[in-house]
Each structure stands twice: as C-alpha cells, then as structure tokens.
C-alpha cells in the first residue's frame, strides 16, 4: 500500500519539482543573513584558562556562557573549528522543544522511572531558556507556539486519540474539521496540539545572540581553530590546535556530530544527513489560504516524518520551512561537504510540499540545504567524563538539540565541578545508549532498518520482525 507521500511523488513529478527548485540557493536560509557577525580571529598563541570549550554550536555556547554566569571570574576559552553555528546549530528547523528524551513515549521506553522527572526538568529548561533570551535581548524570534502533530493516514488518528489527555488542557485533540481550521491541508485527518511544549525561533540568530552574550561576559572565542588532540598534563589538560596549545584546568567537549576527541565514544553516534527547503515569501492571499493563525510547529506521524513551520523575514514577509523525511547515512560515518546537498531529496520534499498544500503548489523555493545530525541509538543525549574528571563530553541529541543542548551544557558543568546534583544523579546521565557497530555492519544495519521503516509506513504502521527486534534491544535509527 502506498502512503499519501508516495502518491504525491508520482502525481507531482520530478520536472515540476525541479522547476520549483530552480532558483533555490544551495545554502541554509538562516545563515544567508546580512547581519551575520564578522568572523572572529583564530587562535595564534598558547594560552591558559580555567575552562576550555571545544565547539561553537549550541552546546559549546551554552556551556561557555553559563560557566561565566556561575562564576564571572572564571577564565573561559571557546575554540571553534570553523564559524559559530555553521553546522547543525545554523541549519536546523528552529524547533525548540521542552522534551529532553525525543518525546515522552521515548523517555518512558528508555527511562520509565525518570520520565516524570525529566519532563519537569525539560519544561524548566525551556522556561529558563526563554528567560535567558529575554535577559540578554537575543533577537531570535522566540515564540512559544506549541506543536501540532498531524495524522495523514487513517490508522494514525487512533494514535492521536490515545495520546490526548482530558485532564491536560494544553494537550488538545483535533478532529479532521478542527485541525483544518488550524492549518488547512487536505492530507490532515486529525491533529494533536501541545500548546506549551515547543517554541519556534531563528536558530542562527539564537547562536549569534549567545555568542554576543558570551563575549560580553568575558569569554574568549576563537573561530577557524580546529582542535586536533588532547593531552594529559598532570592536574590540567592540553588542548592542541594548529595555532597554539590551550592549557586548561577543565575541558568541555561540545563537538556533537563531529568525530569525538575521546575515541571510546565514537561508536555511540552516527552522522545522519537531514534536508530542508524554504519557500519564497508568501503573499497575503497565499498565507490566508492555509490559515495557520497560531503558527504552531508541525510534524506528521510517519517513521520518515516531515517537520515544517512558518517563519518571518526581517521585513515581515512569511515563508514556510519544510524538511525531514529522508535520513541519509553514508558508509563509514563519512562527513563531506557534498553530502550537504541531495537533489533527489529536494525534489521529493518539493512534491510532498505540493501535496500538503495544493493551494501553494506554484510556490517556489528560495533555499535548499542539508546538514548532519548526531544520532544515537536511544535518540537523546548521553554524557561521559575522561582524564580523571577534568574532561566532560556530551553528544547524541538526534535532531532535538535546540533546547536540550542547554540542559546538556548544565550537566557538563556539573560533572566538571565534581559536585553531586540532581542532574548528575540521573540515569540519563549515568547510562549510555547502545553503541552502533563498526563497518560494514553499521551501514548494513542502517539500510535494513530504513527499508523496514518504509515498509511499516506502507503497512498502516505495523512494525515487522526487524523493527520489533531493534525495539526490544533498545537500538534505533532516527532523524
């Protein structure tokens, strides 16, 4: 049986999709911003510091800023191999969720005894993040819109009905008519609106705002300074770069999808490439044709799911970001610039967009881009320490890092302090996911799992023997 998106690809056609993409810039919409900060200098000398942070994405920026908030007198140096937010932090969809575990159901599956506690901590983290954005005047379009999960296949309606909670006024089930009053798509059969669990924002501007706040707090940031290795130096750690050595009392590794400087952690993640499109600005009539007055972030319920949202240009014009579906793993955990674009996926997304919003079928796309996500087998972050507790590491956010990286940064700072806190006592922090196998088994396993996910989507969500076996051992593959 074909899904509605299989049918869309057949009906819309590659030539039509290619035409809609013809003028799309092959770069992330968020980074194509005239207000992007100028590059900061690279490290060109040896230095000493209390804390060295490796990585200038969200995890590293939050770690550096909150380290100064905890102790303004602490010396902090942040080392970024390229530019601040050039990777996942500047390429994502801008969904900032309260969940720390890739959704409530996944949290219950992996950590049932901590699920309620992690839900509370996640909501506290989102609230504190909103307060930080306001306190530092970070102009990133932060808006607490909530999220809308939509059923596009008949069997998914019951899933949403079962997830709805009559005692929770912020979790609202919408039947077909009600969901189409929120966002008008002929594909929608039902919806579930979580009013409080998700904020939307401009992801690059969040990172640049954190960069500004960190610099003003006294953090030294060096761009275009890749870290090559770590060395134990007795009571300290040497951080080796091409431009000099940073000797630090403590080190926080925030490299996420990139190969870890701790070799023993490298099998815990695989890089999965995800892709997105951004439409040209919509006219008032086009925007009125779809409704979307409450601006929720949307996603469907398929194994290969889409995520999409409204965004607003500086001049007030509205656009739609539409991404997801394909999650592409390349043999050998390879990461290359050429993997950041995939015409086949762009055309597939364009056809799915046209099926979702036929009233916008003639809209063209201004930007098309991709990037790598650090996927781990349980779909949410893990942590470890090394060098006698002088180094902390966090990775594995699996596409939900916009909010969860702030929590992860707090965990790393707690671990480096040596103090026992509520966060450090979590099983989430103490336990690690199952590692992925080495090649060629990893590649073969991902291919088999992807094919099984496709079959499940085409069989009314029924999971076959392979997916059931992976569920039983706690091994997953997801974007």
Protein backbone atom coordinates (compact mmCIF):
# COMPACT_ATOMS: atom_id res chain seq x y z
CA UNK A 1 0.00 0.00 0.00
CA UNK A 2 1.29 3.45 -0.87
CA UNK A 3 1.32 6.38 1.54
CA UNK A 4 -0.03 9.78 0.62
CA UNK A 5 3.56 10.94 0.09
CA UNK A 6 4.32 8.05 -2.29
CA UNK A 7 1.31 9.15 -4.31
CA UNK A 8 2.48 12.76 -4.21
CA UNK A 9 5.81 11.88 -5.78
CA UNK A 10 4.03 10.07 -8.61
CA UNK A 11 1.49 12.82 -9.21
CA UNK A 12 3.66 15.90 -8.86
CA UNK A 13 6.55 14.67 -10.99
CA UNK A 14 10.28 15.40 -10.98
CA UNK A 15 10.25 18.06 -13.75
CA UNK A 16 7.72 20.14 -11.84
CA UNK A 17 9.67 19.75 -8.60
CA UNK A 18 12.92 20.69 -10.31
CA UNK A 19 11.28 23.84 -11.69
CA UNK A 20 10.15 24.88 -8.20
CA UNK A 21 13.74 24.44 -7.00
CA UNK A 22 15.50 26.03 -9.98
CA UNK A 23 16.34 29.34 -8.29
CA UNK A 24 16.92 27.96 -4.78
CA UNK A 25 20.24 28.96 -3.21
CA UNK A 26 22.16 25.92 -2.00
CA UNK A 27 22.85 27.31 1.44
CA UNK A 28 20.98 27.43 4.76
CA UNK A 29 18.37 30.17 4.80
CA UNK A 30 19.27 31.10 8.38
CA UNK A 31 22.95 31.69 7.59
CA UNK A 32 22.14 33.75 4.48
CA UNK A 33 21.74 36.81 6.67
CA UNK A 34 23.44 40.19 6.12
CA UNK A 35 23.59 40.64 9.89
CA UNK A 36 25.73 37.54 10.41
CA UNK A 37 28.60 38.51 12.73
CA UNK A 38 32.03 39.02 11.21
CA UNK A 39 34.47 36.17 11.71
CA UNK A 40 36.46 36.22 14.93
CA UNK A 41 40.24 35.68 14.85
CA UNK A 42 41.79 32.22 15.03
CA UNK A 43 43.97 31.23 17.94
CA UNK A 44 47.57 32.32 17.23
CA UNK A 45 49.28 31.76 20.58
CA UNK A 46 49.49 29.44 23.54
CA UNK A 47 47.03 30.23 26.32
CA UNK A 48 45.98 29.12 29.78
CA UNK A 49 42.42 29.03 31.03
CA UNK A 50 40.18 27.62 33.72
CA UNK A 51 37.76 26.12 31.18
CA UNK A 52 38.30 25.31 27.52
CA UNK A 53 35.17 24.64 25.47
CA UNK A 54 35.65 22.79 22.18
CA UNK A 55 32.86 23.51 19.70
CA UNK A 56 30.94 26.66 18.82
CA UNK A 57 27.44 25.28 18.34
CA UNK A 58 24.65 25.45 20.90
CA UNK A 59 26.25 23.03 23.37
CA UNK A 60 29.53 24.92 23.43
CA UNK A 61 27.95 28.37 23.53
CA UNK A 62 25.61 27.47 26.39
CA UNK A 63 28.49 25.85 28.28
CA UNK A 64 30.72 28.90 27.92
CA UNK A 65 28.03 31.43 28.80
CA UNK A 66 26.65 29.55 31.81
CA UNK A 67 30.18 28.89 33.10
CA UNK A 68 30.63 32.66 33.31
CA UNK A 69 27.19 33.08 34.87
CA UNK A 70 28.10 30.56 37.57
CA UNK A 71 31.50 32.16 38.19
CA UNK A 72 32.14 35.53 36.47
CA UNK A 73 35.80 35.38 37.48
CA UNK A 74 36.40 32.09 35.71
CA UNK A 75 38.55 32.27 32.58
CA UNK A 76 36.77 30.62 29.64
CA UNK A 77 38.11 29.99 26.13
CA UNK A 78 35.89 28.63 23.33
CA UNK A 79 37.53 27.05 20.28
CA UNK A 80 35.50 26.57 17.08
CA UNK A 81 36.92 24.71 14.10
CA UNK A 82 35.01 26.79 11.54
CA UNK A 83 32.44 29.53 12.27
CA UNK A 84 29.98 29.85 15.13
CA UNK A 85 26.74 27.97 14.26
CA UNK A 86 27.88 26.95 10.77
CA UNK A 87 26.86 23.31 11.32
CA UNK A 88 23.71 21.86 12.93
CA UNK A 89 23.08 24.93 15.09
CA UNK A 90 22.62 27.08 11.98
CA UNK A 91 20.90 24.51 9.77
CA UNK A 92 18.04 23.11 11.86
CA UNK A 93 14.36 23.93 11.67
CA UNK A 94 14.29 26.14 14.75
CA UNK A 95 12.02 23.85 16.80
CA UNK A 96 12.91 24.31 20.46
CA UNK A 97 11.17 21.54 22.41
CA UNK A 98 10.94 21.00 26.13
CA UNK A 99 11.50 17.26 25.76
CA UNK A 100 14.95 16.02 26.75
CA UNK A 101 14.22 12.48 25.53
CA UNK A 102 12.97 12.86 21.95
CA UNK A 103 9.39 12.81 23.10
CA UNK A 104 7.50 11.50 26.12
CA UNK A 105 6.98 7.98 24.74
CA UNK A 106 10.69 7.53 24.02
CA UNK A 107 11.56 8.74 27.51
CA UNK A 108 9.15 6.25 29.08
CA UNK A 109 10.59 3.47 26.91
CA UNK A 110 14.20 4.04 27.92
CA UNK A 111 13.94 5.61 31.39
CA UNK A 112 10.47 4.82 32.79
CA UNK A 113 11.43 5.62 36.40
CA UNK A 114 12.73 9.07 35.44
CA UNK A 115 10.19 10.06 32.79
CA UNK A 116 8.18 12.42 35.01
CA UNK A 117 11.33 13.98 36.47
CA UNK A 118 12.85 14.50 33.00
CA UNK A 119 9.60 16.04 31.78
CA UNK A 120 9.75 18.54 34.66
CA UNK A 121 13.42 19.30 34.07
CA UNK A 122 12.77 19.76 30.37
CA UNK A 123 9.99 22.26 30.96
CA UNK A 124 12.15 24.12 33.47
CA UNK A 125 14.95 24.20 30.90
CA UNK A 126 12.65 25.67 28.24
CA UNK A 127 11.35 28.30 30.65
CA UNK A 128 14.87 29.26 31.72
CA UNK A 129 15.94 29.43 28.09
CA UNK A 130 13.11 31.86 27.34
CA UNK A 131 14.19 33.97 30.32
CA UNK A 132 17.80 33.97 29.07
CA UNK A 133 16.74 35.09 25.60
CA UNK A 134 14.82 37.97 27.14
CA UNK A 135 17.52 38.88 29.66
CA UNK A 136 20.24 39.20 27.05
CA UNK A 137 17.99 40.76 24.43
CA UNK A 138 18.64 37.98 21.92
CA UNK A 139 16.71 38.86 18.76
CA UNK A 140 15.89 35.33 17.53
CA UNK A 141 12.11 35.49 17.08
CA UNK A 142 11.46 33.24 20.11
CA UNK A 143 7.73 32.42 20.24
CA UNK A 144 6.01 29.78 22.35
CA UNK A 145 3.64 28.44 19.70
CA UNK A 146 3.41 24.82 20.74
CA UNK A 147 3.46 21.96 18.26
CA UNK A 148 0.83 20.26 16.13
CA UNK A 149 1.20 16.56 15.30
CA UNK A 150 -0.94 15.60 12.32
CA UNK A 151 -2.33 12.28 11.12
CA UNK A 152 -2.00 11.83 7.37
CA UNK A 153 -3.05 8.14 7.32
CA UNK A 154 -6.28 6.71 8.76
CA UNK A 155 -4.58 4.41 11.27
CA UNK A 156 -2.75 7.37 12.84
CA UNK A 157 -5.96 9.02 14.05
CA UNK A 158 -6.31 6.48 16.87
CA UNK A 159 -2.71 7.10 17.91
CA UNK A 160 -3.51 10.76 18.48
CA UNK A 161 -6.77 9.99 20.29
CA UNK A 162 -4.88 7.69 22.67
CA UNK A 163 -2.20 10.30 23.33
CA UNK A 164 -4.70 13.06 24.15
CA UNK A 165 -5.20 13.77 27.85
CA UNK A 166 -8.60 15.02 29.00
CA UNK A 167 -7.03 16.28 32.24
CA UNK A 168 -4.43 18.37 30.40
CA UNK A 169 -5.96 21.47 28.77
CA UNK A 170 -2.67 22.14 26.99
CA UNK A 171 -2.86 18.85 25.04
CA UNK A 172 -5.79 19.11 22.65
CA UNK A 173 -7.08 16.50 20.18
CA UNK A 174 -8.44 17.97 16.95
CA UNK A 175 -10.66 16.02 14.57
CA UNK A 176 -10.44 16.49 10.81
CA UNK A 177 -12.52 19.66 10.68
CA UNK A 178 -10.84 21.17 13.74
CA UNK A 179 -7.29 20.52 12.55
CA UNK A 180 -8.04 22.00 9.13
CA UNK A 181 -9.33 25.13 10.83
CA UNK A 182 -5.87 25.45 12.38
CA UNK A 183 -3.89 24.63 9.22
CA UNK A 184 -5.72 23.80 6.02
CA UNK A 185 -4.30 20.73 4.30
CA UNK A 186 -6.38 18.05 2.59
CA UNK A 187 -3.95 15.45 3.93
CA UNK A 188 -4.84 16.08 7.57
CA UNK A 189 -7.22 13.59 9.18
CA UNK A 190 -6.67 14.67 12.80
CA UNK A 191 -4.22 16.55 14.98
CA UNK A 192 -2.85 16.83 18.49
CA UNK A 193 -1.87 20.31 19.65
CA UNK A 194 0.61 20.52 22.50
CA UNK A 195 0.18 24.17 23.38
CA UNK A 196 3.17 24.64 25.69
CA UNK A 197 5.92 22.15 24.87
CA UNK A 198 7.55 23.84 21.87
CA UNK A 199 8.90 27.24 20.95
CA UNK A 200 9.95 28.35 17.48
CA UNK A 201 12.93 30.58 16.79
CA UNK A 202 15.58 31.60 14.28
CA UNK A 203 18.34 29.10 15.10
CA UNK A 204 21.31 31.04 13.71
CA UNK A 205 20.25 34.24 15.45
CA UNK A 206 19.95 32.35 18.72
CA UNK A 207 23.55 31.17 18.34
CA UNK A 208 24.79 34.62 17.38
CA UNK A 209 22.96 36.10 20.37
CA UNK A 210 24.62 33.57 22.67
CA UNK A 211 27.95 34.43 21.05
CA UNK A 212 27.43 38.14 21.78
CA UNK A 213 26.36 37.47 25.36
CA UNK A 214 29.36 35.19 25.94
CA UNK A 215 31.80 37.74 24.55
CA UNK A 216 30.30 40.48 26.72
CA UNK A 217 30.65 38.19 29.74
CA UNK A 218 34.36 37.84 29.02
CA UNK A 219 34.54 34.53 27.13
CA UNK A 220 37.38 34.43 24.59
CA UNK A 221 36.13 32.92 21.32
CA UNK A 222 38.44 31.76 18.55
CA UNK A 223 36.96 30.73 15.21
CA UNK A 224 38.66 28.69 12.46
CA UNK A 225 40.63 26.89 15.17
CA UNK A 226 40.12 23.11 14.88
CA UNK A 227 41.26 21.11 17.90
CA UNK A 228 43.48 18.17 16.91
CA UNK A 229 44.01 16.32 20.18
CA UNK A 230 44.03 16.37 23.97
CA UNK A 231 46.96 15.58 26.26
CA UNK A 232 47.04 14.93 29.97
CA UNK A 233 49.22 17.48 31.76
CA UNK A 234 49.07 16.33 35.37
CA UNK A 235 46.44 18.46 37.01
CA UNK A 236 45.48 20.05 33.71
CA UNK A 237 44.71 19.15 30.08
CA UNK A 238 46.46 20.43 26.98
CA UNK A 239 44.15 21.24 24.06
CA UNK A 240 46.21 21.08 20.88
CA UNK A 241 45.40 23.27 17.84
CA UNK A 242 47.33 24.39 14.77
CA UNK A 243 47.66 27.89 16.19
CA UNK A 244 48.71 27.12 19.72
CA UNK A 245 48.11 25.00 22.81
CA UNK A 246 45.48 25.88 25.38
CA UNK A 247 46.27 24.51 28.83
CA UNK A 248 43.06 24.19 30.80
CA UNK A 249 42.01 23.08 34.25
CA UNK A 250 38.81 21.70 32.78
CA UNK A 251 37.63 20.92 29.23
CA UNK A 252 34.09 20.60 27.85
CA UNK A 253 33.81 18.74 24.54
CA UNK A 254 30.84 20.01 22.54
CA UNK A 255 31.64 18.62 19.09
CA UNK A 256 28.42 16.58 18.77
CA UNK A 257 28.26 15.09 15.25
CA UNK A 258 31.95 15.50 14.52
CA UNK A 259 34.41 12.71 15.42
CA UNK A 260 34.94 12.76 19.16
CA UNK A 261 38.32 13.58 20.64
CA UNK A 262 37.55 10.69 23.02
CA UNK A 263 37.93 7.64 20.80
CA UNK A 264 35.95 5.40 23.16
CA UNK A 265 32.80 7.42 22.46
CA UNK A 266 32.95 7.32 18.66
CA UNK A 267 30.75 4.26 18.16
CA UNK A 268 27.88 5.82 20.12
CA UNK A 269 26.82 8.16 17.30
CA UNK A 270 26.43 8.12 13.55
CA UNK A 271 26.09 11.20 11.31
CA UNK A 272 22.73 11.27 9.55
CA UNK A 273 22.07 13.88 6.89
CA UNK A 274 18.77 15.75 7.01
CA UNK A 275 17.46 18.22 4.39
CA UNK A 276 15.11 21.21 4.27
CA UNK A 277 13.57 23.71 1.89
CA UNK A 278 12.48 27.31 2.43
CA UNK A 279 9.78 28.87 0.28
CA UNK A 280 9.92 32.28 -1.28
CA UNK A 281 7.89 34.90 0.64
CA UNK A 282 4.16 34.17 0.60
CA UNK A 283 1.63 36.74 -0.48
CA UNK A 284 -1.13 37.69 1.98
CA UNK A 285 -3.58 35.68 -0.14
CA UNK A 286 -1.39 32.59 -0.12
CA UNK A 287 -0.97 32.83 3.63
CA UNK A 288 -4.71 33.26 4.14
CA UNK A 289 -5.36 30.15 2.02
CA UNK A 290 -3.68 27.89 4.59
CA UNK A 291 -4.71 29.63 7.82
CA UNK A 292 -2.04 28.70 10.37
CA UNK A 293 -3.04 31.66 12.55
CA UNK A 294 -1.49 30.14 15.69
CA UNK A 295 1.87 29.45 13.98
CA UNK A 296 2.44 26.01 15.53
CA UNK A 297 5.37 23.88 14.51
CA UNK A 298 4.06 20.89 12.57
CA UNK A 299 5.13 17.28 12.07
CA UNK A 300 3.44 14.13 10.83
CA UNK A 301 3.47 10.67 12.41
CA UNK A 302 5.27 8.57 9.83
CA UNK A 303 8.56 6.83 10.57
CA UNK A 304 10.00 9.05 7.85
CA UNK A 305 8.40 12.21 9.08
CA UNK A 306 8.30 15.81 7.91
CA UNK A 307 8.69 18.90 10.07
CA UNK A 308 7.54 22.32 8.93
CA UNK A 309 6.81 25.78 10.23
CA UNK A 310 6.17 29.40 9.40
CA UNK A 311 9.00 31.87 9.68
CA UNK A 312 9.09 35.61 9.26
CA UNK A 313 11.65 37.72 7.39
CA UNK A 314 13.00 40.92 8.87
CA UNK A 315 10.56 42.85 6.65
CA UNK A 316 7.61 40.84 7.98
CA UNK A 317 7.14 38.53 4.99
CA UNK A 318 6.11 34.98 5.82
CA UNK A 319 7.76 31.83 4.47
CA UNK A 320 7.42 28.11 5.14
CA UNK A 321 10.30 25.83 6.05
CA UNK A 322 9.62 22.22 5.00
CA UNK A 323 12.09 19.47 5.87
CA UNK A 324 12.73 15.93 7.01
CA UNK A 325 11.60 12.59 5.56
CA UNK A 326 14.92 11.31 4.20
CA UNK A 327 17.60 10.50 6.79
CA UNK A 328 20.74 9.59 4.90
CA UNK A 329 23.66 7.69 6.37
CA UNK A 330 26.87 7.44 4.36
CA UNK A 331 29.18 4.46 4.65
CA UNK A 332 31.99 4.74 7.16
CA UNK A 333 30.37 7.55 9.16
CA UNK A 334 31.73 9.87 6.48
CA UNK A 335 31.01 13.58 6.51
CA UNK A 336 31.72 15.58 3.36
CA UNK A 337 30.56 18.98 2.06
CA UNK A 338 29.00 17.31 -0.98
CA UNK A 339 26.66 15.38 1.32
CA UNK A 340 25.03 18.66 2.38
CA UNK A 341 23.01 18.74 -0.86
CA UNK A 342 20.88 15.99 -2.38
CA UNK A 343 18.77 16.88 -5.39
CA UNK A 344 16.73 13.68 -5.13
CA UNK A 345 15.63 14.62 -1.62
CA UNK A 346 14.98 18.26 -2.55
CA UNK A 347 12.64 17.14 -5.34
CA UNK A 348 10.93 14.65 -3.06
CA UNK A 349 10.32 17.35 -0.44
CA UNK A 350 9.01 19.74 -3.10
CA UNK A 351 6.45 17.15 -4.24
CA UNK A 352 5.40 16.43 -0.65
CA UNK A 353 5.00 20.16 0.00
CA UNK A 354 2.72 20.49 -3.04
CA UNK A 355 0.58 17.58 -1.83
CA UNK A 356 0.38 19.04 1.67
CA UNK A 357 -0.60 22.50 0.44
CA UNK A 358 -2.06 22.23 -3.08
CA UNK A 359 -3.22 25.84 -2.73
CA UNK A 360 0.51 26.70 -2.74
CA UNK A 361 1.53 24.28 -5.49
CA UNK A 362 3.00 27.06 -7.62
CA UNK A 363 5.17 28.47 -4.83
CA UNK A 364 8.89 28.21 -5.49
CA UNK A 365 11.74 27.71 -3.07
CA UNK A 366 14.44 30.24 -2.26
CA UNK A 367 16.80 27.97 -0.30
CA UNK A 368 17.61 24.26 -0.13
CA UNK A 369 20.17 22.79 2.23
CA UNK A 370 21.19 19.85 4.37
CA UNK A 371 23.36 19.04 7.33
CA UNK A 372 24.45 16.24 9.63
CA UNK A 373 22.69 15.23 12.84
CA UNK A 374 24.44 13.28 15.61
CA UNK A 375 22.13 10.32 16.02
CA UNK A 376 22.49 7.86 18.89
CA UNK A 377 20.56 4.65 19.38
CA UNK A 378 18.27 5.95 22.14
CA UNK A 379 17.65 9.30 20.35
CA UNK A 380 18.66 11.59 23.23
CA UNK A 381 21.90 12.89 24.70
CA UNK A 382 24.47 10.92 26.64
CA UNK A 383 27.41 12.04 28.76
CA UNK A 384 30.81 10.88 29.94
CA UNK A 385 33.94 12.16 31.65
CA UNK A 386 37.63 11.47 31.00
CA UNK A 387 41.13 12.41 32.17
CA UNK A 388 40.22 11.89 35.80
CA UNK A 389 37.11 14.08 35.61
CA UNK A 390 38.92 17.01 34.01
CA UNK A 391 37.10 16.50 30.68
CA UNK A 392 33.35 16.23 30.09
CA UNK A 393 31.65 15.17 26.85
CA UNK A 394 28.09 15.27 25.57
CA UNK A 395 26.55 14.21 22.24
CA UNK A 396 23.68 12.27 20.66
CA UNK A 397 20.93 14.90 20.55
CA UNK A 398 19.40 13.34 17.41
CA UNK A 399 17.74 16.41 15.95
CA UNK A 400 16.31 17.84 19.17
CA UNK A 401 19.28 19.87 20.31
CA UNK A 402 17.94 23.41 20.14
CA UNK A 403 16.60 23.22 23.67
CA UNK A 404 18.22 20.07 25.07
CA UNK A 405 21.78 21.31 24.50
CA UNK A 406 21.26 23.94 27.19
CA UNK A 407 20.39 21.17 29.63
CA UNK A 408 23.39 19.17 28.40
CA UNK A 409 25.68 22.14 28.97
CA UNK A 410 24.48 22.36 32.57
CA UNK A 411 25.16 18.65 33.01
CA UNK A 412 28.73 19.03 31.73
CA UNK A 413 29.38 21.96 34.05
CA UNK A 414 28.00 19.94 36.97
CA UNK A 415 30.23 16.99 36.07
CA UNK A 416 33.30 19.19 35.76
CA UNK A 417 32.59 20.79 39.15
CA UNK A 418 32.77 17.39 40.83
CA UNK A 419 29.61 18.17 42.77
CA UNK A 420 26.64 15.85 43.11
CA UNK A 421 23.50 17.49 41.71
CA UNK A 422 20.04 16.35 40.67
CA UNK A 423 21.29 16.29 37.09
CA UNK A 424 24.42 14.22 37.74
CA UNK A 425 22.37 11.59 39.58
CA UNK A 426 20.06 10.97 36.64
CA UNK A 427 20.20 7.58 34.94
CA UNK A 428 20.04 9.60 31.74
CA UNK A 429 23.48 10.94 32.67
CA UNK A 430 24.92 7.77 34.19
CA UNK A 431 23.79 5.34 31.49
CA UNK A 432 24.86 5.34 27.87
CA UNK A 433 22.97 4.18 24.78
CA UNK A 434 23.93 1.05 22.91
CA UNK A 435 26.79 1.77 20.53
CA UNK A 436 26.38 1.32 16.82
CA UNK A 437 28.51 -1.50 15.39
CA UNK A 438 31.61 -0.83 13.27
CA UNK A 439 31.50 -1.02 9.49
CA UNK A 440 30.33 -2.73 7.40
CA UNK A 441 27.74 -3.88 9.93
CA UNK A 442 26.61 -0.33 10.74
CA UNK A 443 25.92 0.53 7.12
CA UNK A 444 24.10 -2.74 6.51
CA UNK A 445 22.04 -2.33 9.68
CA UNK A 446 21.02 1.21 8.77
CA UNK A 447 19.96 0.10 5.29
CA UNK A 448 17.89 -2.78 6.65
CA UNK A 449 16.30 -0.53 9.28
CA UNK A 450 15.46 2.19 6.76
CA UNK A 451 13.79 -0.35 4.46
CA UNK A 452 11.84 -1.74 7.41
CA UNK A 453 10.66 1.76 8.35
CA UNK A 454 9.44 2.33 4.78
CA UNK A 455 7.52 -0.96 4.88
CA UNK A 456 5.95 -0.07 8.23
CA UNK A 457 4.72 3.27 6.87
CA UNK A 458 3.14 1.41 3.94
CA UNK A 459 1.56 -1.23 6.20
CA UNK A 460 -0.54 1.04 8.43
CA UNK A 461 2.32 1.47 10.90
CA UNK A 462 2.70 -2.26 11.63
CA UNK A 463 6.29 -2.91 12.63
CA UNK A 464 7.85 -6.03 11.18
CA UNK A 465 10.20 -8.52 12.86
CA UNK A 466 13.33 -6.42 12.30
CA UNK A 467 11.93 -3.25 13.89
CA UNK A 468 10.43 -5.24 16.76
CA UNK A 469 13.82 -6.82 17.41
CA UNK A 470 15.51 -3.40 17.36
CA UNK A 471 12.84 -2.08 19.75
CA UNK A 472 13.43 -4.99 22.10
CA UNK A 473 17.17 -4.36 22.43
CA UNK A 474 16.84 -0.56 22.58
CA UNK A 475 18.54 0.10 19.27
CA UNK A 476 17.11 2.72 16.93
CA UNK A 477 17.88 4.87 13.92
CA UNK A 478 16.09 8.16 13.52
CA UNK A 479 16.32 11.79 12.46
